[in-house]
Amino acid sequence: MRARLFPRLRAWLTSDDPTSRAQARCGRACHAWLRFMENRPAVAGLMIILTLLTVAAAAPALAPFAPNTPDLQNRLLPMGGAHWLGTDELGRDILSRIIHGARLTLYVVFLVASIAAPIGLIVGTVSGYAGGWADRVLMRVTDVFLAFPKLILALALVSALGPGIENAVIAIAVTSWPAYARIARAETLTCRRAGFIQAVRLQGATPFRIIRGHIIPLCAPSLIVRVTLDMAGIILTAAGLGFLGLGAQPPLPEWGAMISSGRKFLLDQWWVATMPGVAIFLVSLGFNLLGDGLRDLLDPAEGGR
């Protein structure tokens, strides 16, 4: 029965003449997935991110030791034995701290994305659709934020708000939304004079309904790609704040803070700072590869290649 089911399902998904809206949507999703699977770097990036999600979800079960419990008798042990990645200056298992640090990394990344992306999307679509003085005011505010380097502005905000992971999230989100607003505005300017938008307007639709029901869905693919690509930068910014002592505070196993505490032992006990750095590199690489794959998939100009 299974042998008969899968060919029928595949034929139903790949049909060139769908008989229902549901079949058409499922068919588009199937074709998109097949194109995505042909992009090996993107698949590798997806596997890295799925591994990160799995590790973060199962951190208590995967970590061999408690991440914050000191053991001074086993401080600065090299890799091997019971401690696969060695121990730090307080005898804490580095592998366990990296595993639990994956939770903090995902917490920062997804919280920043869920704050900055909607703000940028709303500002950009309203600015591009309204035009006039609203466009000028919103874009000048956006330019003010873009005028400062993101890390410098984040440092200033965290210094004003005080160190802590929540304040770091707020600071990174405040510095991230202008880029999304610019992208949403450009997409809105492209499609606001399209024929179907004019038809909806003639039918009596309000600007709010047009923006919510038509403009925002058109801007979403470009924004998703940009958010995915920016996640690597968010991780690096969060790690930089943690390295400077302005992000997650001890004894939380944040990767940037782990590098900061291990830099004193870099020449002799190199693994203390190197292993968290490798984790940051791999996760950043995974988000970049996945973002490139989504760009090729969602960008119509790239999709035809």
Protein backbone atom coordinates (compact mmCIF):
# COMPACT_ATOMS: atom_id res chain seq x y z
CA MET A 1 0.00 0.00 0.00
CA ARG A 2 2.85 2.36 0.84
CA ALA A 3 4.44 1.65 -2.56
CA ARG A 4 1.20 2.79 -4.21
CA LEU A 5 0.64 5.77 -1.90
CA PHE A 6 3.90 7.64 -2.45
CA PRO A 7 3.81 7.66 -6.29
CA ARG A 8 0.23 8.95 -6.11
CA LEU A 9 1.19 11.62 -3.60
CA ARG A 10 4.17 12.69 -5.68
CA ALA A 11 2.04 12.83 -8.83
CA TRP A 12 -0.58 14.88 -6.95
CA LEU A 13 2.05 17.34 -5.69
CA THR A 14 3.87 17.72 -9.00
CA SER A 15 0.78 17.95 -11.22
CA ASP A 16 0.88 20.76 -13.79
CA ASP A 17 -2.91 21.03 -13.69
CA PRO A 18 -4.03 21.33 -10.03
CA THR A 19 -7.73 20.90 -9.37
CA SER A 20 -7.92 22.87 -6.11
CA ARG A 21 -6.28 25.76 -4.35
CA ALA A 22 -4.89 23.43 -1.68
CA GLN A 23 -3.25 21.25 -4.34
CA ALA A 24 -1.71 24.31 -5.97
CA ARG A 25 -0.27 25.54 -2.67
CA CYS A 26 1.08 22.12 -1.74
CA GLY A 27 2.55 21.76 -5.23
CA ARG A 28 4.36 25.10 -4.98
CA ALA A 29 5.73 24.12 -1.58
CA CYS A 30 6.90 20.76 -2.95
CA HIS A 31 8.67 22.36 -5.94
CA ALA A 32 10.30 24.91 -3.63
CA TRP A 33 11.53 22.17 -1.31
CA LEU A 34 12.96 20.14 -4.20
CA ARG A 35 14.81 23.22 -5.49
CA PHE A 36 16.11 23.92 -2.00
CA MET A 37 17.39 20.34 -1.62
CA GLU A 38 19.45 20.78 -4.80
CA ASN A 39 21.42 23.54 -3.06
CA ARG A 40 23.93 21.56 -1.02
CA PRO A 41 25.43 24.48 0.94
CA ALA A 42 21.92 25.56 1.95
CA VAL A 43 21.10 22.02 3.08
CA ALA A 44 24.31 21.98 5.11
CA GLY A 45 23.30 25.27 6.73
CA LEU A 46 19.85 23.87 7.50
CA MET A 47 21.43 20.80 9.12
CA ILE A 48 23.65 23.02 11.29
CA ILE A 49 20.65 25.05 12.46
CA LEU A 50 18.56 21.93 13.11
CA THR A 51 21.46 20.51 15.12
CA LEU A 52 21.62 23.74 17.12
CA LEU A 53 17.89 23.57 17.81
CA THR A 54 18.15 19.93 18.88
CA VAL A 55 21.10 20.61 21.16
CA ALA A 56 19.35 23.58 22.75
CA ALA A 57 16.12 21.64 23.29
CA ALA A 58 17.89 18.61 24.80
CA ALA A 59 20.64 20.49 26.64
CA PRO A 60 19.93 19.02 30.12
CA ALA A 61 20.03 15.49 28.69
CA LEU A 62 23.05 16.01 26.43
CA ALA A 63 25.32 17.95 28.80
CA PRO A 64 27.53 15.51 30.77
CA PHE A 65 28.04 17.95 33.66
CA ALA A 66 26.26 20.88 35.30
CA PRO A 67 27.29 23.99 33.35
CA ASN A 68 27.74 26.38 36.30
CA THR A 69 29.11 24.13 39.05
CA PRO A 70 32.80 24.85 39.81
CA ASP A 71 35.26 22.01 40.39
CA LEU A 72 38.57 23.59 41.33
CA GLN A 73 40.34 20.25 41.54
CA ASN A 74 39.82 19.78 37.78
CA ARG A 75 40.49 23.31 36.56
CA LEU A 76 42.07 23.85 33.12
CA LEU A 77 42.13 20.17 32.19
CA PRO A 78 43.01 19.47 28.53
CA MET A 79 40.59 17.82 26.13
CA GLY A 80 40.04 14.12 26.62
CA GLY A 81 38.82 11.70 29.23
CA ALA A 82 35.62 12.69 30.96
CA HIS A 83 35.89 16.26 29.69
CA TRP A 84 35.86 16.03 25.90
CA LEU A 85 36.56 19.75 25.37
CA GLY A 86 38.47 20.32 28.60
CA THR A 87 37.59 22.51 31.56
CA ASP A 88 37.85 26.23 32.26
CA GLU A 89 39.59 28.18 35.02
CA LEU A 90 36.92 27.13 37.54
CA GLY A 91 36.88 23.47 36.54
CA ARG A 92 33.56 23.70 34.68
CA ASP A 93 33.11 21.39 31.70
CA ILE A 94 33.42 23.43 28.50
CA LEU A 95 31.28 21.08 26.41
CA SER A 96 28.42 21.33 28.90
CA ARG A 97 28.67 25.11 28.93
CA ILE A 98 28.67 25.30 25.13
CA ILE A 99 25.61 23.03 24.98
CA HIS A 100 23.69 25.16 27.47
CA GLY A 101 25.00 28.31 25.79
CA ALA A 102 23.13 27.27 22.63
CA ARG A 103 19.92 28.11 24.48
CA LEU A 104 21.11 31.62 25.23
CA THR A 105 22.22 32.10 21.63
CA LEU A 106 18.83 31.05 20.24
CA TYR A 107 17.06 33.15 22.88
CA VAL A 108 18.91 36.27 21.77
CA VAL A 109 18.64 35.56 18.03
CA PHE A 110 14.94 34.83 17.88
CA LEU A 111 13.95 37.52 20.38
CA VAL A 112 15.86 40.16 18.42
CA ALA A 113 14.37 38.93 15.13
CA SER A 114 10.84 38.91 16.55
CA ILE A 115 11.25 42.52 17.75
CA ALA A 116 13.29 44.17 14.99
CA ALA A 117 11.72 42.56 11.91
CA PRO A 118 8.08 43.55 12.66
CA ILE A 119 9.11 47.10 13.59
CA GLY A 120 11.12 47.49 10.39
CA LEU A 121 8.35 45.92 8.30
CA ILE A 122 5.68 48.26 9.69
CA VAL A 123 7.83 51.38 9.39
CA GLY A 124 8.97 50.52 5.85
CA THR A 125 5.55 49.62 4.46
CA VAL A 126 3.81 52.63 6.01
CA SER A 127 6.57 54.94 4.78
CA GLY A 128 6.57 53.54 1.25
CA TYR A 129 2.79 53.44 0.86
CA ALA A 130 1.93 56.76 2.53
CA GLY A 131 4.68 58.84 0.93
CA GLY A 132 4.80 62.60 1.52
CA TRP A 133 5.67 63.94 4.95
CA ALA A 134 5.18 60.54 6.62
CA ASP A 135 7.80 59.01 4.32
CA ARG A 136 10.23 61.86 4.95
CA VAL A 137 9.87 61.74 8.73
CA LEU A 138 10.11 57.95 9.04
CA MET A 139 13.07 57.69 6.69
CA ARG A 140 14.96 60.49 8.42
CA VAL A 141 14.52 58.68 11.73
CA THR A 142 15.76 55.52 10.03
CA ASP A 143 18.77 57.38 8.64
CA VAL A 144 19.68 58.59 12.12
CA PHE A 145 19.95 54.98 13.34
CA LEU A 146 21.81 53.89 10.19
CA ALA A 147 24.36 56.67 10.65
CA PHE A 148 25.90 54.89 13.65
CA PRO A 149 27.76 51.56 13.47
CA LYS A 150 25.55 48.87 14.94
CA LEU A 151 28.03 47.64 17.54
CA ILE A 152 28.90 51.17 18.71
CA LEU A 153 25.23 52.08 19.08
CA ALA A 154 24.51 48.81 20.87
CA LEU A 155 27.39 49.48 23.26
CA ALA A 156 26.03 52.93 24.01
CA LEU A 157 22.52 51.62 24.65
CA VAL A 158 23.66 48.76 26.88
CA SER A 159 25.90 51.13 28.81
CA ALA A 160 22.88 53.37 29.41
CA LEU A 161 20.49 50.53 30.26
CA GLY A 162 22.95 48.45 32.24
CA PRO A 163 24.54 45.05 31.56
CA GLY A 164 22.29 42.04 31.16
CA ILE A 165 20.98 39.75 28.46
CA GLU A 166 17.56 41.46 28.30
CA ASN A 167 19.14 44.88 27.83
CA ALA A 168 21.47 43.41 25.21
CA VAL A 169 18.46 42.08 23.30
CA ILE A 170 16.81 45.51 23.40
CA ALA A 171 20.00 47.22 22.23
CA ILE A 172 20.57 44.81 19.33
CA ALA A 173 16.91 45.05 18.26
CA VAL A 174 17.04 48.86 18.27
CA THR A 175 20.10 48.79 16.02
CA SER A 176 18.72 46.12 13.64
CA TRP A 177 15.29 47.39 12.54
CA PRO A 178 16.42 50.23 10.16
CA ALA A 179 17.79 47.80 7.56
CA TYR A 180 14.47 45.95 7.49
CA ALA A 181 12.59 49.24 7.14
CA ARG A 182 14.67 50.17 4.10
CA ILE A 183 14.01 46.83 2.42
CA ALA A 184 10.27 46.98 3.15
CA ARG A 185 10.06 50.55 1.84
CA ALA A 186 11.83 49.62 -1.40
CA GLU A 187 9.49 46.65 -1.93
CA THR A 188 6.46 48.82 -1.17
CA LEU A 189 7.50 51.52 -3.63
CA THR A 190 7.83 48.83 -6.29
CA CYS A 191 4.37 47.33 -5.86
CA ARG A 192 2.16 50.14 -4.55
CA ARG A 193 1.27 51.31 -8.10
CA ALA A 194 0.67 47.79 -9.39
CA GLY A 195 -2.63 47.11 -11.10
CA PHE A 196 -4.03 44.82 -8.42
CA ILE A 197 -3.27 47.40 -5.71
CA GLN A 198 -5.14 50.02 -7.73
CA ALA A 199 -8.05 47.61 -8.15
CA VAL A 200 -8.22 46.92 -4.41
CA ARG A 201 -8.12 50.66 -3.71
CA LEU A 202 -10.99 51.29 -6.16
CA GLN A 203 -13.02 48.66 -4.35
CA GLY A 204 -12.90 50.85 -1.25
CA ALA A 205 -10.17 49.11 0.75
CA THR A 206 -8.58 51.26 3.45
CA PRO A 207 -4.82 51.89 3.48
CA PHE A 208 -4.54 49.74 6.62
CA ARG A 209 -6.21 46.81 4.85
CA ILE A 210 -4.08 47.24 1.74
CA ILE A 211 -0.86 47.32 3.76
CA ARG A 212 -1.84 44.40 5.98
CA GLY A 213 -3.39 42.15 3.35
CA HIS A 214 -1.36 42.91 0.22
CA ILE A 215 1.82 44.93 0.80
CA ILE A 216 3.17 43.08 3.83
CA PRO A 217 2.83 39.58 2.23
CA LEU A 218 4.75 40.85 -0.80
CA CYS A 219 7.54 42.24 1.40
CA ALA A 220 7.77 39.14 3.59
CA PRO A 221 10.05 36.95 1.38
CA SER A 222 12.79 39.59 1.10
CA LEU A 223 12.53 40.28 4.81
CA ILE A 224 12.79 36.59 5.70
CA VAL A 225 15.99 36.30 3.67
CA ARG A 226 17.48 39.41 5.27
CA VAL A 227 16.56 38.26 8.79
CA THR A 228 18.17 34.86 8.18
CA LEU A 229 21.35 36.46 6.89
CA ASP A 230 21.38 38.95 9.78
CA MET A 231 21.19 36.23 12.42
CA ALA A 232 24.93 35.64 12.09
CA GLY A 233 25.53 39.35 12.73
CA ILE A 234 23.16 39.24 15.72
CA ILE A 235 25.12 36.33 17.17
CA LEU A 236 28.41 38.17 16.69
CA THR A 237 27.03 41.37 18.24
CA ALA A 238 25.66 39.46 21.23
CA ALA A 239 28.98 37.66 21.62
CA GLY A 240 30.81 40.99 21.40
CA LEU A 241 28.65 42.45 24.15
CA GLY A 242 29.20 39.34 26.24
CA PHE A 243 32.94 39.54 25.61
CA LEU A 244 32.96 43.10 26.96
CA GLY A 245 30.91 42.12 30.00
CA LEU A 246 27.76 43.93 28.84
CA GLY A 247 25.69 40.94 27.78
CA ALA A 248 24.80 37.82 29.74
CA GLN A 249 26.35 37.98 33.18
CA PRO A 250 28.30 35.22 34.97
CA PRO A 251 27.79 32.41 35.61
CA LEU A 252 25.53 32.11 32.52
CA PRO A 253 27.33 30.08 29.81
CA GLU A 254 27.21 32.72 27.07
CA TRP A 255 29.74 32.02 24.32
CA GLY A 256 31.14 35.55 24.10
CA ALA A 257 31.63 35.71 27.87
CA MET A 258 33.34 32.30 27.75
CA ILE A 259 35.82 33.63 25.18
CA SER A 260 36.44 36.69 27.35
CA SER A 261 37.21 34.61 30.44
CA GLY A 262 39.41 32.22 28.44
CA ARG A 263 41.53 34.80 26.66
CA LYS A 264 43.88 34.96 29.66
CA PHE A 265 44.83 31.33 29.06
CA LEU A 266 44.97 31.45 25.26
CA LEU A 267 48.68 30.60 24.94
CA ASP A 268 48.79 27.60 27.28
CA GLN A 269 45.19 26.41 27.65
CA TRP A 270 43.96 27.44 24.21
CA TRP A 271 40.82 25.28 24.30
CA VAL A 272 39.14 27.46 26.94
CA ALA A 273 38.60 30.33 24.47
CA THR A 274 38.85 28.43 21.18
CA MET A 275 35.93 26.01 21.64
CA PRO A 276 33.27 28.71 22.20
CA GLY A 277 34.75 30.57 19.22
CA VAL A 278 34.35 27.47 17.05
CA ALA A 279 30.72 27.20 18.17
CA ILE A 280 30.07 30.84 17.17
CA PHE A 281 31.76 30.26 13.80
CA LEU A 282 29.74 27.13 12.99
CA VAL A 283 26.38 28.64 13.93
CA SER A 284 27.12 31.85 12.03
CA LEU A 285 28.18 29.81 9.01
CA GLY A 286 24.97 27.79 9.21
CA PHE A 287 22.75 30.88 9.21
CA ASN A 288 24.69 32.41 6.31
CA LEU A 289 24.44 29.26 4.19
CA LEU A 290 20.74 28.93 4.97
CA GLY A 291 20.14 32.60 4.16
CA ASP A 292 21.89 32.26 0.80
CA GLY A 293 19.73 29.25 -0.01
CA LEU A 294 16.52 31.06 0.93
CA ARG A 295 17.57 34.04 -1.18
CA ASP A 296 18.04 31.81 -4.22
CA LEU A 297 14.68 30.18 -3.51
CA LEU A 298 12.55 33.25 -2.75
CA ASP A 299 14.13 35.76 -5.11
CA PRO A 300 12.32 35.49 -8.50
CA ALA A 301 15.43 36.71 -10.34
CA GLU A 302 17.48 33.92 -8.75
CA GLY A 303 14.81 31.27 -9.01
CA GLY A 304 15.05 31.09 -12.76
CA ARG A 305 18.67 30.11 -12.79
